């Protein structure tokens, strides 16, 4: 069910109307919607939306930046990681910046652990 929620998120990037980096980012997110016709439909939709919109340089730059950070840490499964605050921020699926969302304190807060302050 969670993976199906990524389809509209991937389409959000497509609607941004950028080229190469946004296509790659959309395709990366589509990998989490399952195998077969669902994934094919997601990738097709990303491609069609990109063809229907003219990219701005700002949007291309944003997609390129998010493409660079949209990678799960070693040992983590991408499609599980993308559902975390860090994953969403890193892939541009939230308004948070990765530097803010991907801290140990942020991860602990999401998991309900007490946040320890540094001395």
PDB file of N, CA and C in Angstrom:
ATOM      1  N   UNK A   1       0.820  -1.197   0.000  1.00  0.00           N
ATOM      2  CA  UNK A   1       0.000   0.000   0.000  1.00  0.00           C
ATOM      3  C   UNK A   1       0.858   1.253   0.000  1.00  0.00           C
ATOM      4  N   UNK A   2       1.906   1.273   0.852  1.00  0.00           N
ATOM      5  CA  UNK A   2       2.797   2.431   0.894  1.00  0.00           C
ATOM      6  C   UNK A   2       3.426   2.694  -0.460  1.00  0.00           C
ATOM      7  N   UNK A   3       3.772   1.627  -1.140  1.00  0.00           N
ATOM      8  CA  UNK A   3       4.438   1.787  -2.430  1.00  0.00           C
ATOM      9  C   UNK A   3       3.517   2.434  -3.446  1.00  0.00           C
ATOM     10  N   UNK A   4       2.238   2.144  -3.368  1.00  0.00           N
ATOM     11  CA  UNK A   4       1.300   2.770  -4.294  1.00  0.00           C
ATOM     12  C   UNK A   4       1.192   4.263  -4.050  1.00  0.00           C
ATOM     13  N   UNK A   5       1.473   4.700  -2.827  1.00  0.00           N
ATOM     14  CA  UNK A   5       1.438   6.126  -2.522  1.00  0.00           C
ATOM     15  C   UNK A   5       2.559   6.874  -3.216  1.00  0.00           C
ATOM     16  N   UNK A   6       3.597   6.171  -3.622  1.00  0.00           N
ATOM     17  CA  UNK A   6       4.713   6.832  -4.293  1.00  0.00           C
ATOM     18  C   UNK A   6       4.380   7.226  -5.725  1.00  0.00           C
ATOM     19  N   UNK A   7       3.375   6.585  -6.320  1.00  0.00           N
ATOM     20  CA  UNK A   7       3.014   6.921  -7.695  1.00  0.00           C
ATOM     21  C   UNK A   7       2.659   8.395  -7.825  1.00  0.00           C
ATOM     22  N   UNK A   8       1.747   8.931  -6.999  1.00  0.00           N
ATOM     23  CA  UNK A   8       1.460  10.363  -7.139  1.00  0.00           C
ATOM     24  C   UNK A   8       2.671  11.231  -6.836  1.00  0.00           C
ATOM     25  N   UNK A   9       3.540  10.777  -5.946  1.00  0.00           N
ATOM     26  CA  UNK A   9       4.726  11.558  -5.629  1.00  0.00           C
ATOM     27  C   UNK A   9       5.679  11.600  -6.812  1.00  0.00           C
ATOM     28  N   UNK A  10       5.817  10.479  -7.481  1.00  0.00           N
ATOM     29  CA  UNK A  10       6.668  10.463  -8.671  1.00  0.00           C
ATOM     30  C   UNK A  10       6.082  11.363  -9.751  1.00  0.00           C
ATOM     31  N   UNK A  11       4.764  11.377  -9.839  1.00  0.00           N
ATOM     32  CA  UNK A  11       4.117  12.234 -10.828  1.00  0.00           C
ATOM     33  C   UNK A  11       4.306  13.704 -10.505  1.00  0.00           C
ATOM     34  N   UNK A  12       4.472  14.019  -9.240  1.00  0.00           N
ATOM     35  CA  UNK A  12       4.735  15.403  -8.856  1.00  0.00           C
ATOM     36  C   UNK A  12       6.000  15.903  -9.532  1.00  0.00           C
ATOM     37  N   UNK A  13       7.020  15.062  -9.573  1.00  0.00           N
ATOM     38  CA  UNK A  13       8.252  15.460 -10.247  1.00  0.00           C
ATOM     39  C   UNK A  13       8.015  15.612 -11.738  1.00  0.00           C
ATOM     40  N   UNK A  14       7.214  14.738 -12.285  1.00  0.00           N
ATOM     41  CA  UNK A  14       6.934  14.826 -13.709  1.00  0.00           C
ATOM     42  C   UNK A  14       6.205  16.120 -14.034  1.00  0.00           C
ATOM     43  N   UNK A  15       5.277  16.502 -13.183  1.00  0.00           N
ATOM     44  CA  UNK A  15       4.538  17.734 -13.412  1.00  0.00           C
ATOM     45  C   UNK A  15       5.424  18.963 -13.301  1.00  0.00           C
ATOM     46  N   UNK A  16       6.541  18.829 -12.652  1.00  0.00           N
ATOM     47  CA  UNK A  16       7.458  19.956 -12.555  1.00  0.00           C
ATOM     48  C   UNK A  16       8.011  20.322 -13.924  1.00  0.00           C
ATOM     49  N   UNK A  17       7.944  19.407 -14.862  1.00  0.00           N
ATOM     50  CA  UNK A  17       8.285  19.717 -16.234  1.00  0.00           C
ATOM     51  C   UNK A  17       9.767  19.808 -16.535  1.00  0.00           C
ATOM     52  N   UNK A  18      10.590  19.024 -15.891  1.00  0.00           N
ATOM     53  CA  UNK A  18      12.005  19.101 -16.205  1.00  0.00           C
ATOM     54  C   UNK A  18      12.430  17.897 -17.032  1.00  0.00           C
ATOM     55  N   UNK A  19      13.660  17.955 -17.512  1.00  0.00           N
ATOM     56  CA  UNK A  19      14.140  16.910 -18.410  1.00  0.00           C
ATOM     57  C   UNK A  19      14.956  15.862 -17.676  1.00  0.00           C
ATOM     58  N   UNK A  20      16.122  15.503 -18.166  1.00  0.00           N
ATOM     59  CA  UNK A  20      16.950  14.411 -17.687  1.00  0.00           C
ATOM     60  C   UNK A  20      16.916  14.091 -16.212  1.00  0.00           C
ATOM     61  N   UNK A  21      17.353  15.002 -15.341  1.00  0.00           N
ATOM     62  CA  UNK A  21      17.394  14.653 -13.919  1.00  0.00           C
ATOM     63  C   UNK A  21      16.020  14.319 -13.340  1.00  0.00           C
ATOM     64  N   UNK A  22      14.990  15.021 -13.777  1.00  0.00           N
ATOM     65  CA  UNK A  22      13.649  14.729 -13.247  1.00  0.00           C
ATOM     66  C   UNK A  22      13.129  13.395 -13.766  1.00  0.00           C
ATOM     67  N   UNK A  23      13.454  13.063 -15.001  1.00  0.00           N
ATOM     68  CA  UNK A  23      13.089  11.754 -15.545  1.00  0.00           C
ATOM     69  C   UNK A  23      13.748  10.661 -14.717  1.00  0.00           C
ATOM     70  N   UNK A  24      15.033  10.822 -14.459  1.00  0.00           N
ATOM     71  CA  UNK A  24      15.764   9.827 -13.670  1.00  0.00           C
ATOM     72  C   UNK A  24      15.206   9.712 -12.256  1.00  0.00           C
ATOM     73  N   UNK A  25      14.894  10.852 -11.657  1.00  0.00           N
ATOM     74  CA  UNK A  25      14.348  10.846 -10.304  1.00  0.00           C
ATOM     75  C   UNK A  25      12.973  10.183 -10.277  1.00  0.00           C
ATOM     76  N   UNK A  26      12.125  10.523 -11.234  1.00  0.00           N
ATOM     77  CA  UNK A  26      10.808   9.895 -11.325  1.00  0.00           C
ATOM     78  C   UNK A  26      10.915   8.394 -11.523  1.00  0.00           C
ATOM     79  N   UNK A  27      11.826   7.973 -12.407  1.00  0.00           N
ATOM     80  CA  UNK A  27      12.018   6.541 -12.643  1.00  0.00           C
ATOM     81  C   UNK A  27      12.530   5.835 -11.389  1.00  0.00           C
ATOM     82  N   UNK A  28      13.404   6.507 -10.651  1.00  0.00           N
ATOM     83  CA  UNK A  28      13.921   5.917  -9.406  1.00  0.00           C
ATOM     84  C   UNK A  28      12.778   5.687  -8.415  1.00  0.00           C
ATOM     85  N   UNK A  29      11.885   6.659  -8.309  1.00  0.00           N
ATOM     86  CA  UNK A  29      10.749   6.522  -7.394  1.00  0.00           C
ATOM     87  C   UNK A  29       9.765   5.465  -7.887  1.00  0.00           C
ATOM     88  N   UNK A  30       9.619   5.347  -9.198  1.00  0.00           N
ATOM     89  CA  UNK A  30       8.709   4.338  -9.751  1.00  0.00           C
ATOM     90  C   UNK A  30       9.164   2.913  -9.435  1.00  0.00           C
ATOM     91  N   UNK A  31      10.433   2.731  -9.138  1.00  0.00           N
ATOM     92  CA  UNK A  31      10.930   1.392  -8.804  1.00  0.00           C
ATOM     93  C   UNK A  31      10.298   0.853  -7.530  1.00  0.00           C
ATOM     94  N   UNK A  32       9.671   1.717  -6.755  1.00  0.00           N
ATOM     95  CA  UNK A  32       9.062   1.290  -5.491  1.00  0.00           C
ATOM     96  C   UNK A  32       7.576   0.970  -5.615  1.00  0.00           C
ATOM     97  N   UNK A  33       7.014   1.023  -6.789  1.00  0.00           N
ATOM     98  CA  UNK A  33       5.581   0.766  -6.921  1.00  0.00           C
ATOM     99  C   UNK A  33       5.268  -0.669  -7.310  1.00  0.00           C
ATOM    100  N   UNK A  34       6.260  -1.507  -7.398  1.00  0.00           N
ATOM    101  CA  UNK A  34       6.014  -2.894  -7.746  1.00  0.00           C
ATOM    102  C   UNK A  34       6.506  -3.189  -9.146  1.00  0.00           C
ATOM    103  N   UNK A  35       6.441  -4.452  -9.487  1.00  0.00           N
ATOM    104  CA  UNK A  35       6.948  -4.895 -10.778  1.00  0.00           C
ATOM    105  C   UNK A  35       5.777  -5.106 -11.726  1.00  0.00           C
ATOM    106  N   UNK A  36       6.027  -4.930 -12.995  1.00  0.00           N
ATOM    107  CA  UNK A  36       5.012  -5.218 -13.998  1.00  0.00           C
ATOM    108  C   UNK A  36       4.277  -3.985 -14.466  1.00  0.00           C
ATOM    109  N   UNK A  37       2.978  -4.152 -14.677  1.00  0.00           N
ATOM    110  CA  UNK A  37       2.202  -3.079 -15.298  1.00  0.00           C
ATOM    111  C   UNK A  37       2.110  -1.827 -14.439  1.00  0.00           C
ATOM    112  N   UNK A  38       2.105  -1.968 -13.127  1.00  0.00           N
ATOM    113  CA  UNK A  38       2.031  -0.790 -12.258  1.00  0.00           C
ATOM    114  C   UNK A  38       3.278   0.067 -12.420  1.00  0.00           C
ATOM    115  N   UNK A  39       4.433  -0.554 -12.400  1.00  0.00           N
ATOM    116  CA  UNK A  39       5.684   0.193 -12.576  1.00  0.00           C
ATOM    117  C   UNK A  39       5.765   0.762 -13.986  1.00  0.00           C
ATOM    118  N   UNK A  40       5.392  -0.033 -14.962  1.00  0.00           N
ATOM    119  CA  UNK A  40       5.413   0.448 -16.346  1.00  0.00           C
ATOM    120  C   UNK A  40       4.519   1.669 -16.515  1.00  0.00           C
ATOM    121  N   UNK A  41       3.344   1.624 -15.900  1.00  0.00           N
ATOM    122  CA  UNK A  41       2.417   2.758 -15.986  1.00  0.00           C
ATOM    123  C   UNK A  41       3.001   3.990 -15.309  1.00  0.00           C
ATOM    124  N   UNK A  42       3.654   3.803 -14.189  1.00  0.00           N
ATOM    125  CA  UNK A  42       4.290   4.913 -13.479  1.00  0.00           C
ATOM    126  C   UNK A  42       5.365   5.550 -14.359  1.00  0.00           C
ATOM    127  N   UNK A  43       6.246   4.741 -14.917  1.00  0.00           N
ATOM    128  CA  UNK A  43       7.324   5.257 -15.761  1.00  0.00           C
ATOM    129  C   UNK A  43       6.779   5.929 -17.016  1.00  0.00           C
ATOM    130  N   UNK A  44       5.745   5.345 -17.601  1.00  0.00           N
ATOM    131  CA  UNK A  44       5.115   5.937 -18.788  1.00  0.00           C
ATOM    132  C   UNK A  44       4.508   7.293 -18.457  1.00  0.00           C
ATOM    133  N   UNK A  45       3.860   7.358 -17.314  1.00  0.00           N
ATOM    134  CA  UNK A  45       3.229   8.605 -16.892  1.00  0.00           C
ATOM    135  C   UNK A  45       4.269   9.699 -16.655  1.00  0.00           C
ATOM    136  N   UNK A  46       5.381   9.346 -16.019  1.00  0.00           N
ATOM    137  CA  UNK A  46       6.459  10.311 -15.804  1.00  0.00           C
ATOM    138  C   UNK A  46       6.951  10.828 -17.154  1.00  0.00           C
ATOM    139  N   UNK A  47       7.205   9.921 -18.069  1.00  0.00           N
ATOM    140  CA  UNK A  47       7.713  10.303 -19.393  1.00  0.00           C
ATOM    141  C   UNK A  47       6.726  11.199 -20.136  1.00  0.00           C
ATOM    142  N   UNK A  48       5.447  10.840 -20.118  1.00  0.00           N
ATOM    143  CA  UNK A  48       4.432  11.637 -20.813  1.00  0.00           C
ATOM    144  C   UNK A  48       4.312  13.032 -20.220  1.00  0.00           C
ATOM    145  N   UNK A  49       4.327  13.116 -18.899  1.00  0.00           N
ATOM    146  CA  UNK A  49       4.222  14.422 -18.253  1.00  0.00           C
ATOM    147  C   UNK A  49       5.428  15.295 -18.582  1.00  0.00           C
ATOM    148  N   UNK A  50       6.588  14.701 -18.625  1.00  0.00           N
ATOM    149  CA  UNK A  50       7.791  15.460 -18.962  1.00  0.00           C
ATOM    150  C   UNK A  50       7.737  15.975 -20.397  1.00  0.00           C
ATOM    151  N   UNK A  51       7.175  15.179 -21.284  1.00  0.00           N
ATOM    152  CA  UNK A  51       7.065  15.597 -22.682  1.00  0.00           C
ATOM    153  C   UNK A  51       6.066  16.731 -22.862  1.00  0.00           C
ATOM    154  N   UNK A  52       5.114  16.848 -21.953  1.00  0.00           N
ATOM    155  CA  UNK A  52       4.065  17.864 -22.072  1.00  0.00           C
ATOM    156  C   UNK A  52       4.406  19.190 -21.399  1.00  0.00           C
ATOM    157  N   UNK A  53       5.546  19.291 -20.748  1.00  0.00           N
ATOM    158  CA  UNK A  53       5.911  20.510 -20.024  1.00  0.00           C
ATOM    159  C   UNK A  53       7.315  20.957 -20.400  1.00  0.00           C
ATOM    160  N   UNK A  54       7.499  22.252 -20.444  1.00  0.00           N
ATOM    161  CA  UNK A  54       8.832  22.805 -20.711  1.00  0.00           C
ATOM    162  C   UNK A  54       9.567  22.993 -19.387  1.00  0.00           C
ATOM    163  N   UNK A  55      10.769  22.467 -19.293  1.00  0.00           N
ATOM    164  CA  UNK A  55      11.509  22.585 -18.033  1.00  0.00           C
ATOM    165  C   UNK A  55      12.107  23.981 -17.843  1.00  0.00           C
ATOM    166  N   UNK A  56      12.140  24.420 -16.616  1.00  0.00           N
ATOM    167  CA  UNK A  56      12.876  25.641 -16.292  1.00  0.00           C
ATOM    168  C   UNK A  56      14.236  25.215 -15.751  1.00  0.00           C
ATOM    169  N   UNK A  57      15.195  26.088 -15.834  1.00  0.00           N
ATOM    170  CA  UNK A  57      16.526  25.762 -15.321  1.00  0.00           C
ATOM    171  C   UNK A  57      16.497  25.547 -13.814  1.00  0.00           C
ATOM    172  N   UNK A  58      15.648  26.307 -13.117  1.00  0.00           N
ATOM    173  CA  UNK A  58      15.545  26.139 -11.664  1.00  0.00           C
ATOM    174  C   UNK A  58      15.028  24.753 -11.301  1.00  0.00           C
ATOM    175  N   UNK A  59      14.033  24.281 -12.029  1.00  0.00           N
ATOM    176  CA  UNK A  59      13.466  22.958 -11.752  1.00  0.00           C
ATOM    177  C   UNK A  59      14.474  21.874 -12.110  1.00  0.00           C
ATOM    178  N   UNK A  60      15.166  22.040 -13.227  1.00  0.00           N
ATOM    179  CA  UNK A  60      16.198  21.071 -13.598  1.00  0.00           C
ATOM    180  C   UNK A  60      17.267  20.989 -12.515  1.00  0.00           C
ATOM    181  N   UNK A  61      17.670  22.143 -12.008  1.00  0.00           N
ATOM    182  CA  UNK A  61      18.690  22.184 -10.955  1.00  0.00           C
ATOM    183  C   UNK A  61      18.191  21.483  -9.685  1.00  0.00           C
ATOM    184  N   UNK A  62      16.945  21.749  -9.302  1.00  0.00           N
ATOM    185  CA  UNK A  62      16.378  21.107  -8.115  1.00  0.00           C
ATOM    186  C   UNK A  62      16.336  19.589  -8.283  1.00  0.00           C
ATOM    187  N   UNK A  63      15.879  19.125  -9.438  1.00  0.00           N
ATOM    188  CA  UNK A  63      15.840  17.678  -9.682  1.00  0.00           C
ATOM    189  C   UNK A  63      17.245  17.084  -9.642  1.00  0.00           C
ATOM    190  N   UNK A  64      18.208  17.793 -10.212  1.00  0.00           N
ATOM    191  CA  UNK A  64      19.583  17.314 -10.213  1.00  0.00           C
ATOM    192  C   UNK A  64      20.126  17.208  -8.790  1.00  0.00           C
ATOM    193  N   UNK A  65      19.841  18.214  -7.970  1.00  0.00           N
ATOM    194  CA  UNK A  65      20.287  18.182  -6.574  1.00  0.00           C
ATOM    195  C   UNK A  65      19.637  17.026  -5.817  1.00  0.00           C
ATOM    196  N   UNK A  66      18.347  16.820  -6.015  1.00  0.00           N
ATOM    197  CA  UNK A  66      17.649  15.734  -5.315  1.00  0.00           C
ATOM    198  C   UNK A  66      18.080  14.371  -5.849  1.00  0.00           C
ATOM    199  N   UNK A  67      18.401  14.304  -7.117  1.00  0.00           N
ATOM    200  CA  UNK A  67      18.880  13.046  -7.681  1.00  0.00           C
ATOM    201  C   UNK A  67      20.194  12.636  -7.015  1.00  0.00           C
ATOM    202  N   UNK A  68      21.027  13.614  -6.699  1.00  0.00           N
ATOM    203  CA  UNK A  68      22.304  13.332  -6.035  1.00  0.00           C
ATOM    204  C   UNK A  68      22.113  12.829  -4.607  1.00  0.00           C
ATOM    205  N   UNK A  69      21.077  13.296  -3.916  1.00  0.00           N
ATOM    206  CA  UNK A  69      20.872  12.909  -2.517  1.00  0.00           C
ATOM    207  C   UNK A  69      19.867  11.774  -2.343  1.00  0.00           C
ATOM    208  N   UNK A  70      19.180  11.404  -3.390  1.00  0.00           N
ATOM    209  CA  UNK A  70      18.126  10.383  -3.312  1.00  0.00           C
ATOM    210  C   UNK A  70      18.732   8.983  -3.408  1.00  0.00           C
ATOM    211  N   UNK A  71      19.502   8.632  -2.392  1.00  0.00           N
ATOM    212  CA  UNK A  71      20.142   7.317  -2.315  1.00  0.00           C
ATOM    213  C   UNK A  71      20.077   6.830  -0.873  1.00  0.00           C
ATOM    214  N   UNK A  72      19.598   5.628  -0.719  1.00  0.00           N
ATOM    215  CA  UNK A  72      19.505   5.054   0.630  1.00  0.00           C
ATOM    216  C   UNK A  72      20.902   4.811   1.185  1.00  0.00           C
ATOM    217  N   UNK A  73      21.054   4.957   2.491  1.00  0.00           N
ATOM    218  CA  UNK A  73      22.356   4.658   3.102  1.00  0.00           C
ATOM    219  C   UNK A  73      22.695   3.177   2.949  1.00  0.00           C
ATOM    220  N   UNK A  74      23.974   2.874   3.056  1.00  0.00           N
ATOM    221  CA  UNK A  74      24.413   1.477   2.979  1.00  0.00           C
ATOM    222  C   UNK A  74      23.628   0.632   3.971  1.00  0.00           C
ATOM    223  N   UNK A  75      23.164  -0.513   3.511  1.00  0.00           N
ATOM    224  CA  UNK A  75      22.439  -1.439   4.364  1.00  0.00           C
ATOM    225  C   UNK A  75      20.941  -1.193   4.438  1.00  0.00           C
ATOM    226  N   UNK A  76      20.468  -0.094   3.866  1.00  0.00           N
ATOM    227  CA  UNK A  76      19.031   0.215   3.897  1.00  0.00           C
ATOM    228  C   UNK A  76      18.401  -0.128   2.552  1.00  0.00           C
ATOM    229  N   UNK A  77      17.165  -0.577   2.594  1.00  0.00           N
ATOM    230  CA  UNK A  77      16.405  -0.833   1.376  1.00  0.00           C
ATOM    231  C   UNK A  77      15.807   0.489   0.898  1.00  0.00           C
ATOM    232  N   UNK A  78      16.045   0.851  -0.352  1.00  0.00           N
ATOM    233  CA  UNK A  78      15.601   2.140  -0.876  1.00  0.00           C
ATOM    234  C   UNK A  78      14.110   2.366  -0.671  1.00  0.00           C
ATOM    235  N   UNK A  79      13.292   1.380  -1.015  1.00  0.00           N
ATOM    236  CA  UNK A  79      11.834   1.561  -0.961  1.00  0.00           C
ATOM    237  C   UNK A  79      11.302   1.660   0.469  1.00  0.00           C
ATOM    238  N   UNK A  80      12.043   1.193   1.440  1.00  0.00           N
ATOM    239  CA  UNK A  80      11.678   1.406   2.844  1.00  0.00           C
ATOM    240  C   UNK A  80      12.191   2.765   3.307  1.00  0.00           C
ATOM    241  N   UNK A  81      13.414   3.085   2.933  1.00  0.00           N
ATOM    242  CA  UNK A  81      14.042   4.344   3.327  1.00  0.00           C
ATOM    243  C   UNK A  81      13.277   5.554   2.791  1.00  0.00           C
ATOM    244  N   UNK A  82      12.718   5.427   1.609  1.00  0.00           N
ATOM    245  CA  UNK A  82      12.006   6.548   0.986  1.00  0.00           C
ATOM    246  C   UNK A  82      10.789   6.968   1.810  1.00  0.00           C
ATOM    247  N   UNK A  83      10.313   6.101   2.681  1.00  0.00           N
ATOM    248  CA  UNK A  83       9.168   6.426   3.537  1.00  0.00           C
ATOM    249  C   UNK A  83       9.574   7.116   4.834  1.00  0.00           C
ATOM    250  N   UNK A  84      10.876   7.318   5.043  1.00  0.00           N
ATOM    251  CA  UNK A  84      11.337   8.029   6.235  1.00  0.00           C
ATOM    252  C   UNK A  84      11.432   9.520   5.934  1.00  0.00           C
ATOM    253  N   UNK A  85      11.515  10.322   6.975  1.00  0.00           N
ATOM    254  CA  UNK A  85      11.664  11.773   6.784  1.00  0.00           C
ATOM    255  C   UNK A  85      12.935  12.077   6.002  1.00  0.00           C
ATOM    256  N   UNK A  86      13.997  11.359   6.307  1.00  0.00           N
ATOM    257  CA  UNK A  86      15.260  11.570   5.606  1.00  0.00           C
ATOM    258  C   UNK A  86      15.121  11.201   4.128  1.00  0.00           C
ATOM    259  N   UNK A  87      14.493  10.074   3.846  1.00  0.00           N
ATOM    260  CA  UNK A  87      14.300   9.648   2.463  1.00  0.00           C
ATOM    261  C   UNK A  87      13.444  10.625   1.679  1.00  0.00           C
ATOM    262  N   UNK A  88      12.362  11.067   2.294  1.00  0.00           N
ATOM    263  CA  UNK A  88      11.482  12.025   1.616  1.00  0.00           C
ATOM    264  C   UNK A  88      12.205  13.336   1.337  1.00  0.00           C
ATOM    265  N   UNK A  89      12.940  13.833   2.312  1.00  0.00           N
ATOM    266  CA  UNK A  89      13.677  15.089   2.116  1.00  0.00           C
ATOM    267  C   UNK A  89      14.771  14.912   1.068  1.00  0.00           C
ATOM    268  N   UNK A  90      15.464  13.801   1.121  1.00  0.00           N
ATOM    269  CA  UNK A  90      16.570  13.556   0.195  1.00  0.00           C
ATOM    270  C   UNK A  90      16.112  13.418  -1.246  1.00  0.00           C
ATOM    271  N   UNK A  91      14.889  12.946  -1.435  1.00  0.00           N
ATOM    272  CA  UNK A  91      14.370  12.736  -2.786  1.00  0.00           C
ATOM    273  C   UNK A  91      13.411  13.836  -3.234  1.00  0.00           C
ATOM    274  N   UNK A  92      13.260  14.863  -2.424  1.00  0.00           N
ATOM    275  CA  UNK A  92      12.413  15.984  -2.818  1.00  0.00           C
ATOM    276  C   UNK A  92      10.935  15.751  -2.628  1.00  0.00           C
ATOM    277  N   UNK A  93      10.566  14.812  -1.786  1.00  0.00           N
ATOM    278  CA  UNK A  93       9.154  14.507  -1.563  1.00  0.00           C
ATOM    279  C   UNK A  93       8.581  15.253  -0.372  1.00  0.00           C
ATOM    280  N   UNK A  94       9.391  16.093   0.248  1.00  0.00           N
ATOM    281  CA  UNK A  94       8.923  16.946   1.340  1.00  0.00           C
ATOM    282  C   UNK A  94       9.612  18.298   1.198  1.00  0.00           C
ATOM    283  N   UNK A  95       9.153  19.245   1.955  1.00  0.00           N
ATOM    284  CA  UNK A  95       9.760  20.576   1.891  1.00  0.00           C
ATOM    285  C   UNK A  95      10.993  20.689   2.781  1.00  0.00           C
ATOM    286  N   UNK A  96      11.295  19.636   3.546  1.00  0.00           N
ATOM    287  CA  UNK A  96      12.469  19.646   4.417  1.00  0.00           C
ATOM    288  C   UNK A  96      13.747  19.490   3.603  1.00  0.00           C
ATOM    289  N   UNK A  97      14.802  20.055   4.106  1.00  0.00           N
ATOM    290  CA  UNK A  97      16.122  19.882   3.504  1.00  0.00           C
ATOM    291  C   UNK A  97      16.757  18.622   4.090  1.00  0.00           C
ATOM    292  N   UNK A  98      17.497  17.860   3.275  1.00  0.00           N
ATOM    293  CA  UNK A  98      18.151  16.656   3.798  1.00  0.00           C
ATOM    294  C   UNK A  98      19.050  16.935   4.996  1.00  0.00           C
ATOM    295  N   UNK A  99      19.730  18.059   5.009  1.00  0.00           N
ATOM    296  CA  UNK A  99      20.632  18.380   6.124  1.00  0.00           C
ATOM    297  C   UNK A  99      19.882  18.484   7.444  1.00  0.00           C
ATOM    298  N   UNK A 100      18.612  18.848   7.389  1.00  0.00           N
ATOM    299  CA  UNK A 100      17.792  18.963   8.592  1.00  0.00           C
ATOM    300  C   UNK A 100      17.131  17.632   8.944  1.00  0.00           C
ATOM    301  N   UNK A 101      16.602  16.945   7.947  1.00  0.00           N
ATOM    302  CA  UNK A 101      15.822  15.726   8.181  1.00  0.00           C
ATOM    303  C   UNK A 101      16.675  14.484   8.401  1.00  0.00           C
ATOM    304  N   UNK A 102      17.925  14.521   8.014  1.00  0.00           N
ATOM    305  CA  UNK A 102      18.763  13.323   8.076  1.00  0.00           C
ATOM    306  C   UNK A 102      19.778  13.354   9.216  1.00  0.00           C
ATOM    307  N   UNK A 103      19.410  13.961  10.311  1.00  0.00           N
ATOM    308  CA  UNK A 103      20.295  13.999  11.475  1.00  0.00           C
ATOM    309  C   UNK A 103      19.929  12.870  12.432  1.00  0.00           C
ATOM    310  N   UNK A 104      20.856  12.425  13.263  1.00  0.00           N
ATOM    311  CA  UNK A 104      20.523  11.395  14.257  1.00  0.00           C
ATOM    312  C   UNK A 104      19.383  11.833  15.175  1.00  0.00           C
ATOM    313  N   UNK A 105      19.335  13.104  15.539  1.00  0.00           N
ATOM    314  CA  UNK A 105      18.266  13.598  16.413  1.00  0.00           C
ATOM    315  C   UNK A 105      16.912  13.494  15.720  1.00  0.00           C
ATOM    316  N   UNK A 106      16.861  13.815  14.436  1.00  0.00           N
ATOM    317  CA  UNK A 106      15.601  13.724  13.693  1.00  0.00           C
ATOM    318  C   UNK A 106      15.153  12.272  13.580  1.00  0.00           C
ATOM    319  N   UNK A 107      16.080  11.367  13.324  1.00  0.00           N
ATOM    320  CA  UNK A 107      15.746   9.945  13.228  1.00  0.00           C
ATOM    321  C   UNK A 107      15.245   9.416  14.560  1.00  0.00           C
ATOM    322  N   UNK A 108      15.883   9.796  15.647  1.00  0.00           N
ATOM    323  CA  UNK A 108      15.465   9.341  16.974  1.00  0.00           C
ATOM    324  C   UNK A 108      14.079   9.863  17.312  1.00  0.00           C
ATOM    325  N   UNK A 109      13.799  11.102  16.972  1.00  0.00           N
ATOM    326  CA  UNK A 109      12.484  11.682  17.255  1.00  0.00           C
ATOM    327  C   UNK A 109      11.392  10.941  16.499  1.00  0.00           C
ATOM    328  N   UNK A 110      11.670  10.540  15.278  1.00  0.00           N
ATOM    329  CA  UNK A 110      10.676   9.806  14.494  1.00  0.00           C
ATOM    330  C   UNK A 110      10.425   8.418  15.051  1.00  0.00           C
ATOM    331  N   UNK A 111      11.437   7.836  15.647  1.00  0.00           N
ATOM    332  CA  UNK A 111      11.300   6.491  16.194  1.00  0.00           C
ATOM    333  C   UNK A 111      10.809   6.504  17.629  1.00  0.00           C
ATOM    334  N   UNK A 112      10.529   7.685  18.165  1.00  0.00           N
ATOM    335  CA  UNK A 112      10.025   7.789  19.520  1.00  0.00           C
ATOM    336  C   UNK A 112      11.084   7.677  20.590  1.00  0.00           C
ATOM    337  N   UNK A 113      12.336   7.745  20.202  1.00  0.00           N
ATOM    338  CA  UNK A 113      13.420   7.667  21.171  1.00  0.00           C
ATOM    339  C   UNK A 113      13.673   9.053  21.744  1.00  0.00           C
ATOM    340  N   UNK A 114      14.123   9.115  22.993  1.00  0.00           N
ATOM    341  CA  UNK A 114      14.459  10.430  23.546  1.00  0.00           C
ATOM    342  C   UNK A 114      15.663  11.009  22.817  1.00  0.00           C
ATOM    343  N   UNK A 115      15.592  12.272  22.530  1.00  0.00           N
ATOM    344  CA  UNK A 115      16.689  12.949  21.851  1.00  0.00           C
ATOM    345  C   UNK A 115      17.687  13.403  22.898  1.00  0.00           C
ATOM    346  N   UNK A 116      18.913  12.968  22.733  1.00  0.00           N
ATOM    347  CA  UNK A 116      19.955  13.328  23.690  1.00  0.00           C
ATOM    348  C   UNK A 116      20.674  14.569  23.197  1.00  0.00           C
ATOM    349  N   UNK A 117      20.816  15.519  24.083  1.00  0.00           N
ATOM    350  CA  UNK A 117      21.547  16.720  23.702  1.00  0.00           C
ATOM    351  C   UNK A 117      23.031  16.483  23.904  1.00  0.00           C
ATOM    352  N   UNK A 118      23.811  17.176  23.091  1.00  0.00           N
ATOM    353  CA  UNK A 118      25.257  17.041  23.201  1.00  0.00           C
ATOM    354  C   UNK A 118      25.753  17.911  24.341  1.00  0.00           C
ATOM    355  N   UNK A 119      26.827  17.472  25.039  1.00  0.00           N
ATOM    356  CA  UNK A 119      27.342  18.250  26.180  1.00  0.00           C
ATOM    357  C   UNK A 119      27.928  19.569  25.752  1.00  0.00           C
TER     358      UNK A 119
END
